[in-house]
Amino acid sequence: MRRPYDELLRLMEQDLHKAQEMWGRFAAVGEASPTCWQPRVDLYETPSALIVKAELAGVESDDLDVTLVNHDRVILIRGRRGDPESQRSERTVYHQMEIYLGPFERTVALPRGIVVDRDAIQAAYHEGFLIIRLPKVLTARPSPINPHD
């Protein structure tokens, strides 16, 4: 039985993403501040805000840093996912290793044409997801000018 073409492309894309992450892990050895993995992120819009949702299972909230950079056009999420000593000391052999540990960094470019209220940004971390709410600045439309006034 053949898989549909789009399913094969999706599987190839997943394999490529895994290979890129693994290469990043090995290439980062010896660097001063390696970035080993990038969390998956959703970016969507509501009528009043942009929402950034990052999947960060196993990351402690104290190990997260969120910054608005590049003239308020990019969200930078940095942090570290640790490996508890109690779990490390019990392991003797890995049979499969897919959960990335160590430092991470992810940038999310915000859509053009949307201005966010930097002073009203909110972030919450719950059940492994970081949710960043960036309220939009709603610009008032100029009133039409009546030439007869």
N, C-alpha and C. Protein backbone atom coordinates (compact mmCIF):
# COMPACT_ATOMS: atom_id res chain seq x y z
N MET A 1 0.85 -1.18 0.00
CA MET A 1 0.00 0.00 0.00
C MET A 1 0.89 1.25 0.00
N ARG A 2 0.62 2.17 -0.88
CA ARG A 2 1.41 3.39 -0.98
C ARG A 2 0.84 4.49 -0.10
N ARG A 3 1.74 5.28 0.45
CA ARG A 3 1.32 6.44 1.23
C ARG A 3 1.10 7.61 0.29
N PRO A 4 0.17 8.48 0.62
CA PRO A 4 -0.01 9.68 -0.22
C PRO A 4 1.27 10.51 -0.24
N TYR A 5 1.46 11.22 -1.34
CA TYR A 5 2.64 12.03 -1.55
C TYR A 5 2.87 13.03 -0.42
N ASP A 6 1.79 13.69 0.04
CA ASP A 6 1.96 14.69 1.10
C ASP A 6 2.41 14.05 2.41
N GLU A 7 2.00 12.81 2.66
CA GLU A 7 2.44 12.11 3.87
C GLU A 7 3.94 11.81 3.79
N LEU A 8 4.41 11.40 2.62
CA LEU A 8 5.84 11.16 2.45
C LEU A 8 6.65 12.43 2.64
N LEU A 9 6.15 13.55 2.11
CA LEU A 9 6.84 14.82 2.30
C LEU A 9 6.88 15.20 3.77
N ARG A 10 5.79 14.99 4.48
CA ARG A 10 5.74 15.31 5.92
C ARG A 10 6.76 14.47 6.68
N LEU A 11 6.85 13.18 6.36
CA LEU A 11 7.82 12.31 7.03
C LEU A 11 9.25 12.72 6.71
N MET A 12 9.51 13.11 5.46
CA MET A 12 10.84 13.58 5.08
C MET A 12 11.19 14.86 5.84
N GLU A 13 10.22 15.75 5.97
CA GLU A 13 10.45 16.99 6.70
C GLU A 13 10.77 16.71 8.17
N GLN A 14 10.05 15.77 8.79
CA GLN A 14 10.34 15.39 10.17
C GLN A 14 11.74 14.82 10.30
N ASP A 15 12.13 13.95 9.37
CA ASP A 15 13.47 13.37 9.41
C ASP A 15 14.54 14.44 9.26
N LEU A 16 14.32 15.38 8.35
CA LEU A 16 15.27 16.47 8.15
C LEU A 16 15.40 17.32 9.41
N HIS A 17 14.26 17.61 10.06
CA HIS A 17 14.29 18.41 11.29
C HIS A 17 15.08 17.68 12.38
N LYS A 18 14.86 16.37 12.52
CA LYS A 18 15.60 15.59 13.52
C LYS A 18 17.10 15.60 13.21
N ALA A 19 17.44 15.46 11.93
CA ALA A 19 18.86 15.46 11.55
C ALA A 19 19.50 16.81 11.84
N GLN A 20 18.78 17.91 11.56
CA GLN A 20 19.31 19.24 11.85
C GLN A 20 19.53 19.43 13.34
N GLU A 21 18.59 18.96 14.16
CA GLU A 21 18.74 19.10 15.61
C GLU A 21 19.93 18.27 16.10
N MET A 22 20.06 17.04 15.61
CA MET A 22 21.17 16.19 16.04
C MET A 22 22.50 16.81 15.60
N TRP A 23 22.59 17.31 14.37
CA TRP A 23 23.81 17.94 13.90
C TRP A 23 24.16 19.13 14.78
N GLY A 24 23.14 19.92 15.15
CA GLY A 24 23.36 21.07 16.02
C GLY A 24 23.94 20.66 17.36
N ARG A 25 23.46 19.54 17.89
CA ARG A 25 23.97 19.05 19.17
C ARG A 25 25.45 18.70 19.08
N PHE A 26 25.84 17.99 18.01
CA PHE A 26 27.23 17.58 17.88
C PHE A 26 28.13 18.74 17.48
N ALA A 27 27.65 19.64 16.65
CA ALA A 27 28.44 20.78 16.21
C ALA A 27 28.68 21.77 17.34
N ALA A 28 27.78 21.77 18.33
CA ALA A 28 27.88 22.74 19.42
C ALA A 28 28.89 22.35 20.48
N VAL A 29 29.41 21.13 20.44
CA VAL A 29 30.35 20.68 21.46
C VAL A 29 31.57 21.59 21.45
N GLY A 30 31.92 22.10 22.63
CA GLY A 30 33.09 22.93 22.77
C GLY A 30 32.84 24.41 22.61
N GLU A 31 31.65 24.81 22.20
CA GLU A 31 31.35 26.24 22.08
C GLU A 31 31.08 26.83 23.46
N ALA A 32 31.26 28.12 23.58
CA ALA A 32 31.06 28.79 24.87
C ALA A 32 29.60 28.72 25.32
N SER A 33 28.65 28.96 24.43
CA SER A 33 27.24 28.87 24.81
C SER A 33 26.46 28.20 23.68
N PRO A 34 26.50 26.87 23.63
CA PRO A 34 25.86 26.17 22.53
C PRO A 34 24.33 26.23 22.62
N THR A 35 23.70 26.26 21.48
CA THR A 35 22.26 26.15 21.41
C THR A 35 21.98 24.77 20.84
N CYS A 36 21.43 23.89 21.66
CA CYS A 36 21.29 22.50 21.27
C CYS A 36 19.97 22.17 20.61
N TRP A 37 18.93 22.88 20.93
CA TRP A 37 17.63 22.54 20.37
C TRP A 37 16.74 23.76 20.31
N GLN A 38 15.69 23.66 19.51
CA GLN A 38 14.74 24.75 19.38
C GLN A 38 13.35 24.21 19.69
N PRO A 39 12.66 24.84 20.64
CA PRO A 39 11.30 24.37 20.93
C PRO A 39 10.36 24.69 19.78
N ARG A 40 9.32 23.90 19.67
CA ARG A 40 8.28 24.14 18.66
C ARG A 40 7.41 25.30 19.14
N VAL A 41 6.97 26.14 18.18
CA VAL A 41 6.25 27.37 18.52
C VAL A 41 5.06 27.55 17.58
N ASP A 42 3.95 28.00 18.14
CA ASP A 42 2.81 28.47 17.36
C ASP A 42 2.73 29.98 17.52
N LEU A 43 2.36 30.68 16.46
CA LEU A 43 2.13 32.12 16.51
C LEU A 43 0.78 32.35 15.84
N TYR A 44 -0.15 32.92 16.60
CA TYR A 44 -1.46 33.21 16.02
C TYR A 44 -1.98 34.54 16.54
N GLU A 45 -3.03 35.00 15.87
CA GLU A 45 -3.58 36.32 16.16
C GLU A 45 -5.02 36.19 16.61
N THR A 46 -5.40 37.01 17.58
CA THR A 46 -6.79 37.18 17.98
C THR A 46 -7.17 38.62 17.62
N PRO A 47 -8.42 39.00 17.80
CA PRO A 47 -8.76 40.39 17.48
C PRO A 47 -7.95 41.41 18.28
N SER A 48 -7.51 41.04 19.48
CA SER A 48 -6.84 42.03 20.33
C SER A 48 -5.35 41.77 20.59
N ALA A 49 -4.82 40.62 20.15
CA ALA A 49 -3.43 40.30 20.52
C ALA A 49 -2.80 39.31 19.55
N LEU A 50 -1.46 39.27 19.61
CA LEU A 50 -0.69 38.19 19.02
C LEU A 50 -0.38 37.22 20.15
N ILE A 51 -0.45 35.93 19.86
CA ILE A 51 -0.16 34.92 20.87
C ILE A 51 0.98 34.05 20.37
N VAL A 52 2.01 33.89 21.22
CA VAL A 52 3.11 32.98 20.95
C VAL A 52 2.99 31.85 21.97
N LYS A 53 2.93 30.62 21.47
CA LYS A 53 2.81 29.45 22.34
C LYS A 53 3.99 28.53 22.06
N ALA A 54 4.84 28.33 23.08
CA ALA A 54 6.05 27.52 22.92
C ALA A 54 5.93 26.25 23.76
N GLU A 55 6.31 25.14 23.16
CA GLU A 55 6.27 23.84 23.83
C GLU A 55 7.60 23.63 24.57
N LEU A 56 7.56 23.66 25.90
CA LEU A 56 8.79 23.62 26.70
C LEU A 56 8.69 22.60 27.84
N ALA A 57 8.22 21.42 27.56
CA ALA A 57 8.08 20.40 28.59
C ALA A 57 9.40 20.15 29.30
N GLY A 58 9.35 20.08 30.61
CA GLY A 58 10.54 19.78 31.40
C GLY A 58 11.42 20.97 31.72
N VAL A 59 11.05 22.15 31.26
CA VAL A 59 11.84 23.35 31.54
C VAL A 59 11.24 24.03 32.78
N GLU A 60 12.08 24.37 33.72
CA GLU A 60 11.62 25.10 34.91
C GLU A 60 11.41 26.56 34.55
N SER A 61 10.38 27.18 35.10
CA SER A 61 10.09 28.57 34.76
C SER A 61 11.25 29.50 35.12
N ASP A 62 12.02 29.16 36.15
CA ASP A 62 13.18 29.99 36.52
C ASP A 62 14.29 29.92 35.47
N ASP A 63 14.23 28.92 34.59
CA ASP A 63 15.25 28.76 33.56
C ASP A 63 14.83 29.35 32.22
N LEU A 64 13.80 30.20 32.22
CA LEU A 64 13.30 30.83 30.99
C LEU A 64 13.60 32.32 30.97
N ASP A 65 13.89 32.83 29.78
CA ASP A 65 14.08 34.26 29.58
C ASP A 65 13.39 34.63 28.27
N VAL A 66 12.49 35.62 28.33
CA VAL A 66 11.76 36.07 27.15
C VAL A 66 12.05 37.55 26.96
N THR A 67 12.44 37.92 25.73
CA THR A 67 12.81 39.30 25.43
C THR A 67 12.19 39.71 24.10
N LEU A 68 11.72 40.95 24.05
CA LEU A 68 11.24 41.54 22.80
C LEU A 68 12.42 42.33 22.22
N VAL A 69 12.87 41.98 21.01
CA VAL A 69 14.07 42.58 20.42
C VAL A 69 13.78 43.08 19.01
N ASN A 70 14.80 43.65 18.41
CA ASN A 70 14.76 44.09 17.02
C ASN A 70 13.60 45.06 16.77
N HIS A 71 13.59 46.14 17.54
CA HIS A 71 12.57 47.18 17.41
C HIS A 71 11.16 46.62 17.60
N ASP A 72 11.01 45.71 18.58
CA ASP A 72 9.72 45.10 18.93
C ASP A 72 9.15 44.25 17.80
N ARG A 73 10.00 43.67 16.96
CA ARG A 73 9.55 42.84 15.84
C ARG A 73 9.83 41.36 16.04
N VAL A 74 10.59 41.01 17.08
CA VAL A 74 11.00 39.61 17.28
C VAL A 74 10.92 39.27 18.78
N ILE A 75 10.34 38.10 19.07
CA ILE A 75 10.36 37.56 20.44
C ILE A 75 11.53 36.58 20.50
N LEU A 76 12.36 36.72 21.51
CA LEU A 76 13.50 35.83 21.73
C LEU A 76 13.22 35.03 23.00
N ILE A 77 13.16 33.71 22.87
CA ILE A 77 12.92 32.81 24.00
C ILE A 77 14.19 32.02 24.21
N ARG A 78 14.75 32.12 25.41
CA ARG A 78 15.97 31.39 25.77
C ARG A 78 15.74 30.62 27.05
N GLY A 79 16.51 29.58 27.22
CA GLY A 79 16.41 28.83 28.47
C GLY A 79 17.28 27.60 28.45
N ARG A 80 16.95 26.72 29.37
CA ARG A 80 17.74 25.49 29.55
C ARG A 80 16.82 24.41 30.10
N ARG A 81 16.89 23.24 29.48
CA ARG A 81 16.19 22.07 30.03
C ARG A 81 17.25 21.19 30.65
N GLY A 82 17.10 20.96 31.94
CA GLY A 82 18.08 20.18 32.67
C GLY A 82 17.75 18.70 32.72
N ASP A 83 18.67 17.97 33.27
CA ASP A 83 18.55 16.53 33.46
C ASP A 83 18.82 16.27 34.94
N PRO A 84 17.77 15.98 35.72
CA PRO A 84 17.98 15.80 37.16
C PRO A 84 19.04 14.75 37.47
N GLU A 85 19.88 15.06 38.42
CA GLU A 85 20.98 14.16 38.83
C GLU A 85 20.43 12.78 39.22
N SER A 86 19.29 12.75 39.88
CA SER A 86 18.72 11.47 40.33
C SER A 86 18.44 10.55 39.14
N GLN A 87 18.03 11.11 38.01
CA GLN A 87 17.77 10.29 36.83
C GLN A 87 19.07 9.91 36.12
N ARG A 88 20.02 10.83 36.08
CA ARG A 88 21.30 10.56 35.41
C ARG A 88 22.04 9.41 36.06
N SER A 89 22.06 9.38 37.38
CA SER A 89 22.85 8.37 38.08
C SER A 89 22.28 6.96 37.92
N GLU A 90 20.99 6.84 37.59
CA GLU A 90 20.38 5.52 37.44
C GLU A 90 20.59 4.92 36.05
N ARG A 91 20.84 5.74 35.04
CA ARG A 91 20.95 5.25 33.66
C ARG A 91 22.33 4.64 33.41
N THR A 92 22.32 3.51 32.73
CA THR A 92 23.59 2.89 32.37
C THR A 92 23.77 2.80 30.85
N VAL A 93 22.67 2.61 30.11
CA VAL A 93 22.73 2.47 28.66
C VAL A 93 21.53 3.18 28.05
N TYR A 94 21.77 3.95 26.99
CA TYR A 94 20.68 4.55 26.22
C TYR A 94 20.32 3.62 25.08
N HIS A 95 19.03 3.37 24.90
CA HIS A 95 18.56 2.60 23.76
C HIS A 95 17.89 3.51 22.73
N GLN A 96 17.46 4.64 23.19
CA GLN A 96 16.87 5.65 22.32
C GLN A 96 17.02 6.99 23.03
N MET A 97 17.36 8.04 22.25
CA MET A 97 17.55 9.35 22.86
C MET A 97 16.97 10.41 21.94
N GLU A 98 15.79 10.94 22.29
CA GLU A 98 15.11 11.93 21.47
C GLU A 98 14.78 13.21 22.21
N ILE A 99 14.88 13.21 23.53
CA ILE A 99 14.55 14.39 24.32
C ILE A 99 15.82 15.20 24.50
N TYR A 100 15.81 16.41 23.93
CA TYR A 100 17.00 17.24 23.97
C TYR A 100 17.10 17.98 25.29
N LEU A 101 18.31 18.00 25.81
CA LEU A 101 18.61 18.68 27.07
C LEU A 101 19.59 19.80 26.81
N GLY A 102 19.71 20.68 27.79
CA GLY A 102 20.68 21.75 27.67
C GLY A 102 20.04 23.05 27.22
N PRO A 103 20.87 23.98 26.77
CA PRO A 103 20.37 25.31 26.41
C PRO A 103 19.57 25.29 25.11
N PHE A 104 18.68 26.23 25.01
CA PHE A 104 17.92 26.41 23.78
C PHE A 104 17.68 27.88 23.55
N GLU A 105 17.35 28.19 22.30
CA GLU A 105 17.03 29.56 21.91
C GLU A 105 16.10 29.48 20.71
N ARG A 106 15.08 30.30 20.73
CA ARG A 106 14.14 30.35 19.61
C ARG A 106 13.73 31.79 19.38
N THR A 107 13.80 32.21 18.14
CA THR A 107 13.32 33.54 17.77
C THR A 107 12.03 33.38 16.99
N VAL A 108 11.11 34.30 17.22
CA VAL A 108 9.82 34.30 16.53
C VAL A 108 9.60 35.70 15.97
N ALA A 109 9.61 35.79 14.65
CA ALA A 109 9.38 37.08 14.00
C ALA A 109 7.89 37.39 14.03
N LEU A 110 7.55 38.59 14.47
CA LEU A 110 6.15 39.00 14.53
C LEU A 110 5.71 39.50 13.16
N PRO A 111 4.43 39.34 12.84
CA PRO A 111 3.94 39.78 11.52
C PRO A 111 4.11 41.28 11.32
N ARG A 112 4.42 41.67 10.10
CA ARG A 112 4.56 43.09 9.76
C ARG A 112 3.21 43.78 9.85
N GLY A 113 3.26 45.06 10.18
CA GLY A 113 2.05 45.86 10.19
C GLY A 113 1.27 45.80 11.49
N ILE A 114 1.73 44.99 12.44
CA ILE A 114 1.05 44.91 13.73
C ILE A 114 1.96 45.52 14.78
N VAL A 115 1.45 46.52 15.49
CA VAL A 115 2.20 47.16 16.56
C VAL A 115 1.70 46.57 17.88
N VAL A 116 2.64 46.16 18.74
CA VAL A 116 2.25 45.59 20.03
C VAL A 116 2.51 46.59 21.15
N ASP A 117 1.69 46.47 22.19
CA ASP A 117 1.82 47.32 23.37
C ASP A 117 2.85 46.69 24.29
N ARG A 118 4.08 47.13 24.17
CA ARG A 118 5.22 46.57 24.92
C ARG A 118 4.97 46.55 26.44
N ASP A 119 4.24 47.54 26.97
CA ASP A 119 4.02 47.65 28.42
C ASP A 119 2.92 46.71 28.92
N ALA A 120 2.17 46.08 28.03
CA ALA A 120 1.06 45.22 28.45
C ALA A 120 1.29 43.74 28.12
N ILE A 121 2.51 43.38 27.74
CA ILE A 121 2.80 41.98 27.39
C ILE A 121 2.69 41.11 28.64
N GLN A 122 2.09 39.94 28.47
CA GLN A 122 1.94 38.99 29.58
C GLN A 122 2.50 37.64 29.15
N ALA A 123 3.07 36.92 30.10
CA ALA A 123 3.57 35.57 29.83
C ALA A 123 3.16 34.66 30.97
N ALA A 124 2.77 33.44 30.63
CA ALA A 124 2.39 32.45 31.63
C ALA A 124 2.98 31.11 31.20
N TYR A 125 3.42 30.33 32.18
CA TYR A 125 3.99 29.01 31.91
C TYR A 125 3.17 28.00 32.67
N HIS A 126 2.53 27.08 31.92
CA HIS A 126 1.63 26.13 32.55
C HIS A 126 1.65 24.81 31.77
N GLU A 127 1.85 23.72 32.48
CA GLU A 127 1.82 22.37 31.92
C GLU A 127 2.72 22.21 30.69
N GLY A 128 3.90 22.80 30.77
CA GLY A 128 4.88 22.63 29.70
C GLY A 128 4.75 23.57 28.53
N PHE A 129 3.82 24.53 28.60
CA PHE A 129 3.65 25.50 27.53
C PHE A 129 3.87 26.90 28.06
N LEU A 130 4.66 27.67 27.31
CA LEU A 130 4.84 29.08 27.59
C LEU A 130 3.90 29.83 26.65
N ILE A 131 3.00 30.63 27.21
CA ILE A 131 2.06 31.41 26.42
C ILE A 131 2.40 32.88 26.62
N ILE A 132 2.74 33.57 25.53
CA ILE A 132 3.08 34.99 25.57
C ILE A 132 1.97 35.73 24.84
N ARG A 133 1.34 36.66 25.54
CA ARG A 133 0.25 37.46 24.96
C ARG A 133 0.77 38.87 24.71
N LEU A 134 0.77 39.29 23.44
CA LEU A 134 1.26 40.60 23.04
C LEU A 134 0.06 41.42 22.55
N PRO A 135 -0.54 42.25 23.42
CA PRO A 135 -1.69 43.04 23.00
C PRO A 135 -1.33 43.97 21.84
N LYS A 136 -2.25 44.06 20.90
CA LYS A 136 -2.04 44.93 19.74
C LYS A 136 -2.43 46.36 20.10
N VAL A 137 -1.69 47.30 19.54
CA VAL A 137 -2.05 48.70 19.65
C VAL A 137 -3.05 48.95 18.53
N LEU A 138 -4.27 49.26 18.92
CA LEU A 138 -5.31 49.51 17.93
C LEU A 138 -5.26 50.97 17.57
N THR A 139 -4.86 51.24 16.37
CA THR A 139 -4.76 52.64 15.93
C THR A 139 -6.12 53.10 15.44
N ALA A 140 -6.49 54.27 15.89
CA ALA A 140 -7.78 54.84 15.48
C ALA A 140 -7.67 55.32 14.04
N ARG A 141 -8.72 55.05 13.29
CA ARG A 141 -8.75 55.54 11.91
C ARG A 141 -9.02 57.03 11.91
N PRO A 142 -8.34 57.76 11.05
CA PRO A 142 -8.59 59.20 11.00
C PRO A 142 -10.00 59.47 10.49
N SER A 143 -10.61 60.48 11.07
CA SER A 143 -11.96 60.88 10.64
C SER A 143 -11.87 61.49 9.25
N PRO A 144 -12.86 61.16 8.41
CA PRO A 144 -12.83 61.78 7.08
C PRO A 144 -12.99 63.29 7.19
N ILE A 145 -12.29 63.99 6.37
CA ILE A 145 -12.36 65.45 6.38
C ILE A 145 -13.48 65.89 5.44
N ASN A 146 -14.38 66.69 5.97
CA ASN A 146 -15.46 67.23 5.16
C ASN A 146 -15.03 68.58 4.64
N PRO A 147 -14.89 68.73 3.34
CA PRO A 147 -14.38 70.00 2.80
C PRO A 147 -15.39 71.15 2.96
N HIS A 148 -16.62 70.84 3.34
CA HIS A 148 -17.63 71.87 3.46
C HIS A 148 -17.72 72.45 4.87
N ASP A 149 -16.87 71.97 5.78
CA ASP A 149 -16.92 72.52 7.16
C ASP A 149 -16.16 73.78 7.30
